[in-house]
Amino acid sequence: MIQFAAWTSKKRRGSHWQRFGPMYLILLSLPLVMADLTRHVLQDSGMWPEGESAMFNDDGSLSPIGWLFTIFFTWSGFILMIVGSLWLANIHIKLYELYKTIRRKCQNRSSRRR
């Protein structure tokens, strides 16, 4: 995914951020999405002691580590990946063009009725 974003960013026009912004967002999202999975693998293999870094408290609720890795890292990573992918595909421009087309057709219909 990051390779495609990097390749596509070279062809984009605009400022540095407009060209490479989607790639930066996707690049930042990858370690965030992988953080919880990596923690699980390291704990299961015994390389990361589970003591204070357990995902759940004794009552079954998420511990601070659980909140940090599961909620913050994973969800923010997926949000950054989605935003970067939509930006890379120029969805905002395509939706705006679709809006203008629909708006123009509605205005033409209303002007013909009068």
C-alpha atoms as a PDB file:
ATOM      1  CA  MET A   1       0.000   0.000   0.000  1.00  0.00           C
ATOM      2  CA  ILE A   2       2.768   2.440   0.879  1.00  0.00           C
ATOM      3  CA  GLN A   3       4.615   1.551  -2.321  1.00  0.00           C
ATOM      4  CA  PHE A   4       1.518   2.398  -4.374  1.00  0.00           C
ATOM      5  CA  ALA A   5       1.070   5.651  -2.440  1.00  0.00           C
ATOM      6  CA  ALA A   6       4.706   6.621  -3.007  1.00  0.00           C
ATOM      7  CA  TRP A   7       4.512   5.830  -6.716  1.00  0.00           C
ATOM      8  CA  THR A   8       1.234   7.725  -7.143  1.00  0.00           C
ATOM      9  CA  SER A   9       2.514  10.713  -5.125  1.00  0.00           C
ATOM     10  CA  LYS A  10       5.262  11.321  -7.670  1.00  0.00           C
ATOM     11  CA  LYS A  11       2.626  11.921 -10.352  1.00  0.00           C
ATOM     12  CA  ARG A  12       0.505  14.325  -8.294  1.00  0.00           C
ATOM     13  CA  ARG A  13       0.676  18.106  -8.667  1.00  0.00           C
ATOM     14  CA  GLY A  14       0.743  20.847  -6.082  1.00  0.00           C
ATOM     15  CA  SER A  15       2.806  21.663  -3.019  1.00  0.00           C
ATOM     16  CA  HIS A  16       4.915  19.089  -1.234  1.00  0.00           C
ATOM     17  CA  TRP A  17       2.120  18.376   1.269  1.00  0.00           C
ATOM     18  CA  GLN A  18      -0.497  18.078  -1.499  1.00  0.00           C
ATOM     19  CA  ARG A  19       1.703  15.627  -3.385  1.00  0.00           C
ATOM     20  CA  PHE A  20       3.076  13.521  -0.549  1.00  0.00           C
ATOM     21  CA  GLY A  21       0.510  14.093   2.236  1.00  0.00           C
ATOM     22  CA  PRO A  22      -1.481  10.921   1.486  1.00  0.00           C
ATOM     23  CA  MET A  23       1.710   8.866   1.509  1.00  0.00           C
ATOM     24  CA  TYR A  24       2.775  10.360   4.853  1.00  0.00           C
ATOM     25  CA  LEU A  25      -0.605   9.553   6.408  1.00  0.00           C
ATOM     26  CA  ILE A  26      -0.495   5.961   5.167  1.00  0.00           C
ATOM     27  CA  LEU A  27       3.133   5.620   6.274  1.00  0.00           C
ATOM     28  CA  LEU A  28       2.246   6.875   9.761  1.00  0.00           C
ATOM     29  CA  SER A  29      -0.760   4.548   9.944  1.00  0.00           C
ATOM     30  CA  LEU A  30       1.223   1.345   9.416  1.00  0.00           C
ATOM     31  CA  PRO A  31       3.109   1.200  12.759  1.00  0.00           C
ATOM     32  CA  LEU A  32      -0.015   2.369  14.605  1.00  0.00           C
ATOM     33  CA  VAL A  33      -2.135  -0.450  13.159  1.00  0.00           C
ATOM     34  CA  MET A  34       0.604  -3.009  13.790  1.00  0.00           C
ATOM     35  CA  ALA A  35       1.379  -1.920  17.396  1.00  0.00           C
ATOM     36  CA  ASP A  36      -1.280  -4.044  19.140  1.00  0.00           C
ATOM     37  CA  LEU A  37      -0.593  -7.073  16.956  1.00  0.00           C
ATOM     38  CA  THR A  38       3.123  -6.798  17.656  1.00  0.00           C
ATOM     39  CA  ARG A  39       2.448  -6.504  21.399  1.00  0.00           C
ATOM     40  CA  HIS A  40       0.348  -9.691  21.269  1.00  0.00           C
ATOM     41  CA  VAL A  41       3.057 -11.622  19.409  1.00  0.00           C
ATOM     42  CA  LEU A  42       5.786 -10.418  21.779  1.00  0.00           C
ATOM     43  CA  GLN A  43       3.718 -11.311  24.852  1.00  0.00           C
ATOM     44  CA  ASP A  44       2.755 -14.730  23.479  1.00  0.00           C
ATOM     45  CA  SER A  45       6.401 -15.528  22.747  1.00  0.00           C
ATOM     46  CA  GLY A  46       7.481 -14.423  26.232  1.00  0.00           C
ATOM     47  CA  MET A  47       9.642 -11.568  24.957  1.00  0.00           C
ATOM     48  CA  TRP A  48       7.390  -8.943  26.599  1.00  0.00           C
ATOM     49  CA  PRO A  49       6.432  -9.834  30.193  1.00  0.00           C
ATOM     50  CA  GLU A  50       2.697  -9.599  30.729  1.00  0.00           C
ATOM     51  CA  GLY A  51       2.763  -8.193  34.300  1.00  0.00           C
ATOM     52  CA  GLU A  52       2.001  -4.492  33.980  1.00  0.00           C
ATOM     53  CA  SER A  53       1.314  -4.652  30.253  1.00  0.00           C
ATOM     54  CA  ALA A  54      -1.718  -6.928  30.420  1.00  0.00           C
ATOM     55  CA  MET A  55      -4.512  -5.930  28.069  1.00  0.00           C
ATOM     56  CA  PHE A  56      -7.316  -6.464  30.614  1.00  0.00           C
ATOM     57  CA  ASN A  57      -7.774  -5.674  34.295  1.00  0.00           C
ATOM     58  CA  ASP A  58      -8.931  -8.341  36.757  1.00  0.00           C
ATOM     59  CA  ASP A  59     -12.554  -7.198  36.327  1.00  0.00           C
ATOM     60  CA  GLY A  60     -12.414  -7.707  32.544  1.00  0.00           C
ATOM     61  CA  SER A  61     -12.190  -4.037  31.568  1.00  0.00           C
ATOM     62  CA  LEU A  62      -9.395  -2.710  29.393  1.00  0.00           C
ATOM     63  CA  SER A  63      -6.239  -1.736  31.245  1.00  0.00           C
ATOM     64  CA  PRO A  64      -4.392   1.492  30.386  1.00  0.00           C
ATOM     65  CA  ILE A  65      -2.125  -0.533  28.067  1.00  0.00           C
ATOM     66  CA  GLY A  66      -5.242  -2.061  26.496  1.00  0.00           C
ATOM     67  CA  TRP A  67      -6.719   1.379  25.905  1.00  0.00           C
ATOM     68  CA  LEU A  68      -3.467   2.724  24.504  1.00  0.00           C
ATOM     69  CA  PHE A  69      -2.741  -0.135  22.108  1.00  0.00           C
ATOM     70  CA  THR A  70      -6.222  -1.349  21.198  1.00  0.00           C
ATOM     71  CA  ILE A  71      -8.208   1.865  21.113  1.00  0.00           C
ATOM     72  CA  PHE A  72      -5.747   4.684  20.497  1.00  0.00           C
ATOM     73  CA  PHE A  73      -3.055   3.104  18.303  1.00  0.00           C
ATOM     74  CA  THR A  74      -5.238   0.758  16.255  1.00  0.00           C
ATOM     75  CA  TRP A  75      -8.161   3.104  15.668  1.00  0.00           C
ATOM     76  CA  SER A  76      -6.055   6.181  14.948  1.00  0.00           C
ATOM     77  CA  GLY A  77      -3.980   4.065  12.559  1.00  0.00           C
ATOM     78  CA  PHE A  78      -7.048   2.919  10.648  1.00  0.00           C
ATOM     79  CA  ILE A  79      -8.446   6.464  10.532  1.00  0.00           C
ATOM     80  CA  LEU A  80      -5.149   7.773   9.124  1.00  0.00           C
ATOM     81  CA  MET A  81      -5.058   4.924   6.597  1.00  0.00           C
ATOM     82  CA  ILE A  82      -8.613   5.600   5.416  1.00  0.00           C
ATOM     83  CA  VAL A  83      -8.077   9.362   5.156  1.00  0.00           C
ATOM     84  CA  GLY A  84      -4.774   8.874   3.322  1.00  0.00           C
ATOM     85  CA  SER A  85      -6.301   6.358   0.909  1.00  0.00           C
ATOM     86  CA  LEU A  86      -9.311   8.557   0.143  1.00  0.00           C
ATOM     87  CA  TRP A  87      -7.032  11.576  -0.330  1.00  0.00           C
ATOM     88  CA  LEU A  88      -4.734   9.563  -2.613  1.00  0.00           C
ATOM     89  CA  ALA A  89      -7.739   8.541  -4.736  1.00  0.00           C
ATOM     90  CA  ASN A  90      -8.926  12.186  -4.908  1.00  0.00           C
ATOM     91  CA  ILE A  91     -12.327  11.185  -3.552  1.00  0.00           C
ATOM     92  CA  HIS A  92     -12.948  14.723  -2.264  1.00  0.00           C
ATOM     93  CA  ILE A  93     -12.514  16.122  -5.793  1.00  0.00           C
ATOM     94  CA  LYS A  94     -14.659  13.404  -7.360  1.00  0.00           C
ATOM     95  CA  LEU A  95     -17.451  13.952  -4.821  1.00  0.00           C
ATOM     96  CA  TYR A  96     -17.331  17.707  -5.422  1.00  0.00           C
ATOM     97  CA  GLU A  97     -17.564  17.191  -9.196  1.00  0.00           C
ATOM     98  CA  LEU A  98     -20.495  14.800  -8.689  1.00  0.00           C
ATOM     99  CA  TYR A  99     -22.183  17.379  -6.455  1.00  0.00           C
ATOM    100  CA  LYS A 100     -21.744  20.086  -9.105  1.00  0.00           C
ATOM    101  CA  THR A 101     -23.188  17.792 -11.811  1.00  0.00           C
ATOM    102  CA  ILE A 102     -26.228  16.889  -9.718  1.00  0.00           C
ATOM    103  CA  ARG A 103     -26.730  20.517  -8.722  1.00  0.00           C
ATOM    104  CA  ARG A 104     -26.545  21.647 -12.362  1.00  0.00           C
ATOM    105  CA  LYS A 105     -29.119  19.037 -13.428  1.00  0.00           C
ATOM    106  CA  CYS A 106     -31.483  20.073 -10.635  1.00  0.00           C
ATOM    107  CA  GLN A 107     -31.181  23.729 -11.615  1.00  0.00           C
ATOM    108  CA  ASN A 108     -31.860  22.904 -15.276  1.00  0.00           C
ATOM    109  CA  ARG A 109     -35.002  20.974 -14.326  1.00  0.00           C
ATOM    110  CA  SER A 110     -36.317  23.776 -12.142  1.00  0.00           C
ATOM    111  CA  SER A 111     -35.667  26.401 -14.859  1.00  0.00           C
ATOM    112  CA  ARG A 112     -37.572  24.330 -17.453  1.00  0.00           C
ATOM    113  CA  ARG A 113     -40.640  24.089 -15.224  1.00  0.00           C
ATOM    114  CA  ARG A 114     -41.072  27.848 -15.042  1.00  0.00           C
END
